[in-house]
Amino acid sequence: MRASEIRALFAVASRPEVVSLAGGMPYLEGLPLDVIGEMAQRVIATRGTTALQYGSGQGDETLREQILEVMRLERIEAHPDDVVVTTGSQQALDLVTRLFINPGDVVVAEAPSYVGALGVFRAYQADVVHVPLDQDGLVPEALEDALTALAREGRRVKFLYTVPNFHNPAGVSLSAARRPQILEIARRHGVLVLEDNPYGLLGFEGEPLPALRSLDEDGVIYLGSFSKTFAPGYRVGWAVAPHAIREKLVLASESAILCPSNASQLAISAYLATCDWRGQIKAFRELYRERRDAMVGALAEHLPRATWTVPDGGFYTWVRLPEGLDAKAMLPRAVTARVAYVPGTAFYADGQGSDHMRLSFCFPTPERIREGVRRLAGVISSESELVDLFGVAPGDGGTSIESPSPDLA
């Protein structure tokens, strides 16, 4: 087990003089905190003996029914018994990995991939094999080639891990045309799909894409969370799984935590029952779209030699640095210049990605985003001059994901 590169940044990035483009913290000032405070008080006053007591290992039944309503926005039809409430979707990710992985088993994951998932896979001694992304998400032909090669080598693939919507860190989404292709390839190779979807309702344009789970109930485990669409402090997520897997998930959860927090579940349930949660999601979408626009506008103004993804939702853009720069080596100088980001190496199991960085636009104001990119551009300009003068060796290389040109960013 190793420390997360993002967690290691928190102490520095939380300083007020540092513009943090690193962590993916939701902008909670956009919530009606007075209403939520009164609601939480009512929950304790009227249902305190339940809220403060042990509960079901599978989660509160009323909340599980409400989760079905949330998932219908992405065309998922399920039964409350299919849902297992967890302590954030991160716990669900850990439980699924715990159930399926023996040391040396293979997890296929996108390149790049969510750093929190890579940490879980590493802890259970899985062997992560990366498959590339492009502007339309996971590349079906590359997945087919990887699974065929692994089968030829006799290596056991337990599941495909994917973040199909507004990917962390890449910012891209799996296209509607590719979704059935990916599922068909996984089905043909006998590989379970683990769909991690914290950002799916936070698209900036149009209706949410159908979840992979909506297209294949038997071959997909779906992970959801209220951390991005409501508040991460409650630590409430969930998994939707086929029956046999669901039963094992409940047993694994009970052995890990006995039960998820009743107080958190009842607070979330009261919020869904009494507040305009759909309107709140719409407000978040508009707020994050404004921040996305500030980010890509600042990148176009200050970093013409870099390329980046232009996300249609979520929290992140994925930036490819000018040739010769190493994002990890450059980070201490960026922190000295009072700006923070996450180096691309955090998002690979094999050490690649040094020529990329993840920039988060969800938390800072648009003004702070523009200032952070301006500071970052100064660091990159200084580093580029050193490369031009002394020929510093380029990084390890990254993925093919980038905006076609800065003009389009």
Protein backbone atom coordinates (compact mmCIF):
# COMPACT_ATOMS: atom_id res chain seq x y z
CA MET A 1 0.00 0.00 0.00
CA ARG A 2 1.23 3.46 -0.93
CA ALA A 3 0.04 6.98 -0.18
CA SER A 4 -2.18 8.55 -2.83
CA GLU A 5 -0.40 11.31 -4.73
CA ILE A 6 -3.58 13.39 -4.38
CA ARG A 7 -3.86 12.90 -0.62
CA ALA A 8 -0.22 13.83 -0.25
CA LEU A 9 -1.01 17.18 -1.91
CA PHE A 10 -3.87 18.09 0.42
CA ALA A 11 -1.77 19.70 3.15
CA VAL A 12 -0.16 22.03 0.60
CA ALA A 13 -3.18 22.57 -1.63
CA SER A 14 -5.40 23.58 1.29
CA ARG A 15 -3.28 26.65 2.06
CA PRO A 16 -5.26 29.78 1.14
CA GLU A 17 -2.42 31.27 -0.89
CA VAL A 18 -2.26 28.18 -3.15
CA VAL A 19 -4.68 27.84 -6.07
CA SER A 20 -5.51 24.14 -6.01
CA LEU A 21 -6.36 22.64 -9.38
CA ALA A 22 -5.66 19.24 -7.84
CA GLY A 23 -8.46 17.76 -5.72
CA GLY A 24 -11.94 16.92 -6.97
CA MET A 25 -13.92 18.52 -4.15
CA PRO A 26 -17.50 19.55 -4.97
CA TYR A 27 -18.41 23.21 -4.54
CA LEU A 28 -20.67 22.82 -1.50
CA GLU A 29 -21.37 26.54 -1.15
CA GLY A 30 -23.81 25.90 -3.98
CA LEU A 31 -26.02 23.87 -1.62
CA PRO A 32 -28.89 25.36 0.44
CA LEU A 33 -27.01 24.74 3.67
CA ASP A 34 -29.64 26.36 5.90
CA VAL A 35 -32.35 24.05 4.55
CA ILE A 36 -30.09 21.01 4.87
CA GLY A 37 -29.22 21.96 8.45
CA GLU A 38 -32.89 22.22 9.44
CA MET A 39 -33.60 18.91 7.69
CA ALA A 40 -30.79 17.13 9.58
CA GLN A 41 -32.09 18.55 12.85
CA ARG A 42 -35.59 17.20 12.09
CA VAL A 43 -34.18 13.76 11.31
CA ILE A 44 -32.52 13.56 14.74
CA ALA A 45 -35.50 15.11 16.54
CA THR A 46 -38.10 12.82 14.97
CA ARG A 47 -36.12 9.65 14.17
CA GLY A 48 -33.11 9.93 16.43
CA THR A 49 -33.37 6.48 17.98
CA THR A 50 -33.25 4.98 14.49
CA ALA A 51 -30.70 7.36 13.02
CA LEU A 52 -28.24 6.79 15.88
CA GLN A 53 -28.70 3.01 16.04
CA TYR A 54 -27.19 0.11 14.11
CA GLY A 55 -28.97 -0.66 10.85
CA SER A 56 -29.22 -3.15 8.02
CA GLY A 57 -26.02 -4.36 6.39
CA GLN A 58 -27.65 -3.82 2.99
CA GLY A 59 -28.83 -0.31 3.80
CA ASP A 60 -32.10 1.46 4.57
CA GLU A 61 -34.92 0.12 2.40
CA THR A 62 -36.54 3.51 1.82
CA LEU A 63 -33.25 4.96 0.63
CA ARG A 64 -32.71 1.99 -1.66
CA GLU A 65 -36.10 2.67 -3.24
CA GLN A 66 -35.16 6.32 -3.72
CA ILE A 67 -31.85 5.33 -5.31
CA LEU A 68 -33.87 3.54 -7.99
CA GLU A 69 -35.51 6.86 -8.87
CA VAL A 70 -32.10 8.52 -9.18
CA MET A 71 -30.79 5.76 -11.44
CA ARG A 72 -33.83 5.95 -13.74
CA LEU A 73 -32.35 9.20 -15.05
CA GLU A 74 -29.73 6.96 -16.69
CA ARG A 75 -32.32 4.35 -17.73
CA ILE A 76 -31.47 1.78 -15.07
CA GLU A 77 -34.40 -0.37 -13.96
CA ALA A 78 -33.80 -2.42 -10.83
CA HIS A 79 -35.41 -3.65 -7.60
CA PRO A 80 -34.57 -2.29 -4.14
CA ASP A 81 -33.15 -5.71 -3.27
CA ASP A 82 -30.55 -5.24 -6.03
CA VAL A 83 -29.05 -2.24 -4.23
CA VAL A 84 -26.37 -2.37 -1.51
CA VAL A 85 -25.73 0.93 0.29
CA THR A 86 -22.05 1.52 1.07
CA THR A 87 -19.83 4.07 2.76
CA GLY A 88 -19.27 6.02 -0.43
CA SER A 89 -18.75 4.28 -3.73
CA GLN A 90 -15.10 3.87 -2.75
CA GLN A 91 -16.12 1.18 -0.25
CA ALA A 92 -18.18 -0.53 -2.93
CA LEU A 93 -15.11 -0.56 -5.17
CA ASP A 94 -13.07 -2.08 -2.35
CA LEU A 95 -15.70 -4.74 -1.61
CA VAL A 96 -16.01 -5.84 -5.24
CA THR A 97 -12.24 -6.12 -5.52
CA ARG A 98 -12.07 -8.03 -2.25
CA LEU A 99 -14.66 -10.52 -3.51
CA PHE A 100 -13.12 -11.19 -6.91
CA ILE A 101 -9.38 -10.68 -6.75
CA ASN A 102 -6.78 -13.21 -5.73
CA PRO A 103 -3.14 -12.11 -5.89
CA GLY A 104 -2.02 -12.12 -9.50
CA ASP A 105 -5.48 -11.87 -11.05
CA VAL A 106 -5.85 -9.28 -13.80
CA VAL A 107 -7.98 -6.15 -13.73
CA VAL A 108 -8.29 -4.41 -17.08
CA ALA A 109 -8.60 -0.65 -16.67
CA GLU A 110 -8.56 2.42 -18.86
CA ALA A 111 -5.33 4.29 -19.46
CA PRO A 112 -5.35 6.59 -17.55
CA SER A 113 -7.55 5.41 -14.67
CA TYR A 114 -8.95 6.70 -11.38
CA VAL A 115 -6.15 6.83 -8.80
CA GLY A 116 -8.41 5.59 -5.97
CA ALA A 117 -9.24 2.45 -7.93
CA LEU A 118 -5.59 1.76 -8.71
CA GLY A 119 -4.82 1.97 -4.98
CA VAL A 120 -7.50 -0.60 -4.20
CA PHE A 121 -6.31 -2.96 -6.95
CA ARG A 122 -2.73 -2.64 -5.72
CA ALA A 123 -3.74 -3.39 -2.13
CA TYR A 124 -5.36 -6.69 -3.19
CA GLN A 125 -2.32 -7.52 -5.36
CA ALA A 126 -4.15 -7.39 -8.67
CA ASP A 127 -2.19 -7.04 -11.89
CA VAL A 128 -3.57 -4.00 -13.75
CA VAL A 129 -3.48 -4.04 -17.56
CA HIS A 130 -4.26 -0.68 -19.15
CA VAL A 131 -6.29 -0.19 -22.34
CA PRO A 132 -6.14 3.21 -24.09
CA LEU A 133 -8.84 5.85 -24.34
CA ASP A 134 -9.49 8.39 -27.05
CA GLN A 135 -11.99 11.23 -27.44
CA ASP A 136 -14.88 8.70 -27.50
CA GLY A 137 -13.74 6.78 -24.44
CA LEU A 138 -12.42 3.25 -24.16
CA VAL A 139 -11.28 1.96 -27.57
CA PRO A 140 -13.16 -1.29 -28.42
CA GLU A 141 -10.47 -2.66 -30.74
CA ALA A 142 -7.81 -2.13 -28.07
CA LEU A 143 -9.97 -3.89 -25.48
CA GLU A 144 -10.51 -6.82 -27.84
CA ASP A 145 -6.77 -7.08 -28.49
CA ALA A 146 -5.90 -6.89 -24.78
CA LEU A 147 -8.41 -9.55 -23.71
CA THR A 148 -7.38 -11.85 -26.56
CA ALA A 149 -3.70 -11.50 -25.65
CA LEU A 150 -4.37 -12.12 -21.96
CA ALA A 151 -6.40 -15.24 -22.76
CA ARG A 152 -3.60 -16.50 -25.01
CA GLU A 153 -1.17 -16.02 -22.12
CA GLY A 154 -3.47 -17.92 -19.76
CA ARG A 155 -3.92 -14.93 -17.45
CA ARG A 156 -7.20 -14.68 -15.59
CA VAL A 157 -9.12 -11.42 -16.07
CA LYS A 158 -11.62 -10.87 -13.25
CA PHE A 159 -13.22 -7.65 -14.44
CA LEU A 160 -13.01 -4.54 -16.59
CA TYR A 161 -13.00 -1.35 -14.53
CA THR A 162 -14.38 1.70 -16.33
CA VAL A 163 -15.52 5.27 -15.60
CA PRO A 164 -17.68 5.78 -18.70
CA ASN A 165 -19.00 9.29 -18.02
CA PHE A 166 -16.81 12.42 -17.77
CA HIS A 167 -13.84 10.27 -16.95
CA ASN A 168 -11.55 10.84 -14.00
CA PRO A 169 -8.93 12.01 -14.95
CA ALA A 170 -9.36 12.20 -18.73
CA GLY A 171 -12.66 14.10 -18.91
CA VAL A 172 -13.94 12.10 -21.90
CA SER A 173 -17.09 9.94 -22.10
CA LEU A 174 -17.72 6.57 -23.67
CA SER A 175 -19.83 7.28 -26.75
CA ALA A 176 -23.33 5.84 -27.11
CA ALA A 177 -22.19 3.84 -30.14
CA ARG A 178 -19.33 2.22 -28.26
CA ARG A 179 -21.28 1.18 -25.16
CA PRO A 180 -22.88 -1.97 -26.64
CA GLN A 181 -19.60 -2.80 -28.36
CA ILE A 182 -17.67 -2.75 -25.08
CA LEU A 183 -20.33 -4.89 -23.39
CA GLU A 184 -20.38 -7.40 -26.25
CA ILE A 185 -16.58 -7.78 -26.12
CA ALA A 186 -16.64 -8.27 -22.35
CA ARG A 187 -19.50 -10.77 -22.61
CA ARG A 188 -17.75 -12.79 -25.30
CA HIS A 189 -14.60 -13.02 -23.17
CA GLY A 190 -16.52 -13.82 -19.99
CA VAL A 191 -15.36 -10.64 -18.25
CA LEU A 192 -17.48 -8.79 -15.68
CA VAL A 193 -17.78 -5.00 -16.12
CA LEU A 194 -17.40 -2.73 -13.08
CA GLU A 195 -19.05 0.59 -13.99
CA ASP A 196 -17.99 3.44 -11.69
CA ASN A 197 -20.29 6.39 -12.30
CA PRO A 198 -20.05 9.29 -9.83
CA TYR A 199 -20.32 12.02 -12.50
CA GLY A 200 -23.00 10.70 -14.86
CA LEU A 201 -25.68 13.25 -13.92
CA LEU A 202 -23.30 16.19 -14.15
CA GLY A 203 -23.26 16.64 -17.91
CA PHE A 204 -23.27 20.17 -19.26
CA GLU A 205 -25.44 19.53 -22.31
CA GLY A 206 -28.37 17.24 -23.10
CA GLU A 207 -29.70 14.18 -21.30
CA PRO A 208 -27.52 11.64 -19.47
CA LEU A 209 -26.24 8.76 -21.57
CA PRO A 210 -27.69 5.33 -20.75
CA ALA A 211 -25.62 3.54 -18.13
CA LEU A 212 -23.84 0.35 -19.12
CA ARG A 213 -25.92 -1.37 -16.45
CA SER A 214 -29.09 -0.35 -18.34
CA LEU A 215 -27.83 -2.33 -21.35
CA ASP A 216 -26.70 -5.47 -19.49
CA GLU A 217 -28.13 -6.35 -16.07
CA ASP A 218 -26.23 -9.63 -15.71
CA GLY A 219 -22.76 -8.58 -16.80
CA VAL A 220 -22.36 -5.22 -15.04
CA ILE A 221 -21.89 -4.10 -11.45
CA TYR A 222 -22.86 -0.43 -11.16
CA LEU A 223 -21.35 1.89 -8.55
CA GLY A 224 -23.08 5.16 -7.68
CA SER A 225 -22.55 7.95 -5.18
CA PHE A 226 -24.18 11.02 -3.65
CA SER A 227 -20.77 12.62 -3.11
CA LYS A 228 -20.78 14.61 -6.35
CA THR A 229 -24.51 15.32 -6.77
CA PHE A 230 -25.13 16.17 -3.09
CA ALA A 231 -22.42 16.09 -0.42
CA PRO A 232 -19.38 13.83 0.13
CA GLY A 233 -19.38 14.33 3.90
CA TYR A 234 -22.31 11.95 4.36
CA ARG A 235 -20.26 9.15 2.72
CA VAL A 236 -23.20 7.40 1.06
CA GLY A 237 -22.78 5.41 -2.12
CA TRP A 238 -24.19 2.20 -3.49
CA ALA A 239 -23.68 -0.82 -5.69
CA VAL A 240 -26.20 -2.52 -7.97
CA ALA A 241 -25.22 -6.07 -8.73
CA PRO A 242 -26.61 -9.35 -10.03
CA HIS A 243 -28.28 -11.40 -7.26
CA ALA A 244 -25.44 -13.80 -6.39
CA ILE A 245 -22.87 -11.01 -6.28
CA ARG A 246 -25.18 -8.75 -4.27
CA GLU A 247 -25.52 -11.35 -1.51
CA LYS A 248 -21.74 -11.62 -1.23
CA LEU A 249 -21.40 -7.83 -1.21
CA VAL A 250 -23.73 -7.61 1.79
CA LEU A 251 -21.70 -10.23 3.66
CA ALA A 252 -18.44 -8.48 2.81
CA SER A 253 -19.83 -5.12 3.91
CA GLU A 254 -21.08 -6.54 7.20
CA SER A 255 -17.66 -8.02 7.93
CA ALA A 256 -15.99 -4.68 7.17
CA ILE A 257 -18.28 -2.12 8.83
CA LEU A 258 -21.32 -4.03 10.22
CA CYS A 259 -23.64 -1.51 8.53
CA PRO A 260 -23.51 1.85 6.78
CA SER A 261 -24.34 4.92 8.88
CA ASN A 262 -28.06 5.17 9.60
CA ALA A 263 -27.73 8.90 10.35
CA SER A 264 -26.21 9.57 6.93
CA GLN A 265 -28.72 7.40 5.12
CA LEU A 266 -31.74 9.01 6.79
CA ALA A 267 -30.35 12.47 6.06
CA ILE A 268 -29.90 11.61 2.38
CA SER A 269 -33.36 10.03 2.30
CA ALA A 270 -34.94 13.16 3.83
CA TYR A 271 -33.11 15.33 1.30
CA LEU A 272 -34.40 13.26 -1.63
CA ALA A 273 -37.94 13.27 -0.21
CA THR A 274 -38.25 16.95 0.70
CA CYS A 275 -35.80 18.95 -1.44
CA ASP A 276 -35.64 19.66 -5.17
CA TRP A 277 -32.67 17.37 -5.76
CA ARG A 278 -33.16 17.44 -9.52
CA GLY A 279 -33.04 21.23 -9.44
CA GLN A 280 -29.90 21.07 -7.31
CA ILE A 281 -28.21 18.81 -9.86
CA LYS A 282 -29.18 21.27 -12.59
CA ALA A 283 -27.65 24.11 -10.54
CA PHE A 284 -24.43 22.11 -10.10
CA ARG A 285 -24.29 21.44 -13.85
CA GLU A 286 -24.52 25.14 -14.62
CA LEU A 287 -21.97 26.04 -11.95
CA TYR A 288 -19.43 23.47 -13.15
CA ARG A 289 -19.99 24.38 -16.79
CA GLU A 290 -19.03 27.98 -15.98
CA ARG A 291 -15.86 26.71 -14.29
CA ARG A 292 -15.08 24.39 -17.22
CA ASP A 293 -15.37 27.34 -19.58
CA ALA A 294 -13.03 29.38 -17.37
CA MET A 295 -10.52 26.53 -17.37
CA VAL A 296 -10.40 25.86 -21.10
CA GLY A 297 -10.44 29.58 -21.86
CA ALA A 298 -7.45 30.16 -19.58
CA LEU A 299 -5.61 27.20 -21.09
CA ALA A 300 -6.16 28.56 -24.58
CA GLU A 301 -4.88 31.98 -23.49
CA HIS A 302 -1.87 30.94 -21.44
CA LEU A 303 -0.76 27.48 -22.66
CA PRO A 304 -0.80 27.49 -26.46
CA ARG A 305 1.88 24.77 -26.60
CA ALA A 306 -0.13 22.33 -24.49
CA THR A 307 -3.17 20.26 -25.51
CA TRP A 308 -6.12 19.19 -23.38
CA THR A 309 -9.50 17.51 -23.33
CA VAL A 310 -12.66 19.63 -23.29
CA PRO A 311 -15.03 17.72 -20.98
CA ASP A 312 -18.79 17.74 -21.53
CA GLY A 313 -19.36 17.26 -17.81
CA GLY A 314 -17.75 16.26 -14.56
CA PHE A 315 -14.79 17.87 -12.80
CA TYR A 316 -11.58 17.43 -14.81
CA THR A 317 -9.53 18.19 -17.87
CA TRP A 318 -6.49 16.17 -18.91
CA VAL A 319 -3.57 18.27 -20.10
CA ARG A 320 -0.64 17.11 -22.20
CA LEU A 321 2.45 19.19 -21.57
CA PRO A 322 4.85 20.52 -24.20
CA GLU A 323 7.50 18.00 -25.22
CA GLY A 324 10.26 17.38 -22.72
CA LEU A 325 8.38 18.38 -19.56
CA ASP A 326 7.79 16.04 -16.63
CA ALA A 327 4.68 16.90 -14.59
CA LYS A 328 5.86 15.05 -11.49
CA ALA A 329 9.32 16.61 -11.48
CA MET A 330 7.78 20.04 -12.08
CA LEU A 331 5.28 19.86 -9.20
CA PRO A 332 7.54 21.23 -6.41
CA ARG A 333 8.25 24.31 -8.53
CA ALA A 334 4.55 24.73 -9.21
CA VAL A 335 3.77 24.60 -5.48
CA THR A 336 6.46 27.23 -4.91
CA ALA A 337 4.57 29.33 -7.48
CA ARG A 338 1.41 28.70 -5.40
CA VAL A 339 -0.50 26.43 -7.76
CA ALA A 340 -1.17 22.69 -7.42
CA TYR A 341 -2.20 19.93 -9.84
CA VAL A 342 -1.98 16.14 -9.98
CA PRO A 343 0.79 14.61 -12.13
CA GLY A 344 -0.33 12.11 -14.73
CA THR A 345 1.78 9.32 -13.23
CA ALA A 346 -0.79 9.00 -10.41
CA PHE A 347 -3.30 7.57 -12.89
CA TYR A 348 -1.29 4.64 -14.24
CA ALA A 349 -0.25 1.39 -12.63
CA ASP A 350 2.94 1.18 -14.69
CA GLY A 351 4.55 4.60 -14.17
CA GLN A 352 3.68 6.22 -17.47
CA GLY A 353 1.89 9.55 -17.80
CA SER A 354 4.70 11.92 -16.78
CA ASP A 355 3.88 14.21 -19.70
CA HIS A 356 0.29 14.74 -18.51
CA MET A 357 -1.44 16.45 -15.60
CA ARG A 358 -4.97 16.46 -14.30
CA LEU A 359 -6.53 19.86 -13.65
CA SER A 360 -9.71 20.09 -11.61
CA PHE A 361 -12.15 22.97 -12.16
CA CYS A 362 -14.93 22.00 -9.73
CA PHE A 363 -13.91 23.84 -6.55
CA PRO A 364 -12.11 27.15 -7.34
CA THR A 365 -14.08 30.14 -8.56
CA PRO A 366 -13.63 31.07 -12.23
CA GLU A 367 -11.35 33.93 -11.18
CA ARG A 368 -9.17 31.59 -9.13
CA ILE A 369 -9.07 29.09 -11.98
CA ARG A 370 -7.80 31.72 -14.38
CA GLU A 371 -5.20 32.87 -11.86
CA GLY A 372 -4.11 29.28 -11.21
CA VAL A 373 -3.63 28.58 -14.91
CA ARG A 374 -1.70 31.85 -15.27
CA ARG A 375 0.67 30.78 -12.47
CA LEU A 376 0.96 27.31 -13.96
CA ALA A 377 1.79 28.78 -17.36
CA GLY A 378 4.68 30.70 -15.79
CA VAL A 379 6.10 27.49 -14.34
CA ILE A 380 5.69 25.63 -17.63
CA SER A 381 7.33 28.48 -19.55
CA SER A 382 10.35 28.39 -17.23
CA GLU A 383 10.60 24.61 -17.53
CA SER A 384 10.33 24.79 -21.31
CA GLU A 385 13.22 27.27 -21.43
CA LEU A 386 15.34 24.79 -19.48
CA VAL A 387 14.43 22.05 -21.93
CA ASP A 388 15.36 24.27 -24.86
CA LEU A 389 18.67 25.24 -23.25
CA PHE A 390 19.78 21.93 -21.75
CA GLY A 391 17.78 19.28 -23.57
CA VAL A 392 16.06 17.75 -20.54
CA ALA A 393 14.86 14.26 -21.40
CA PRO A 394 11.13 13.94 -22.21
CA GLY A 395 8.76 12.07 -19.91
CA ASP A 396 7.42 8.59 -20.33
CA GLY A 397 4.63 9.58 -22.70
CA GLY A 398 0.90 9.35 -22.15
CA THR A 399 -2.36 8.60 -23.89
CA SER A 400 -3.68 9.79 -27.19
CA ILE A 401 -6.35 11.94 -25.50
CA GLU A 402 -6.01 15.63 -26.20
CA SER A 403 -7.91 18.42 -27.86
CA PRO A 404 -7.32 18.50 -31.64
CA SER A 405 -5.79 21.95 -31.30
CA PRO A 406 -5.75 24.77 -28.76
CA ASP A 407 -8.06 26.74 -31.04
CA LEU A 408 -10.78 24.12 -30.50
CA ALA A 409 -10.24 23.85 -26.75
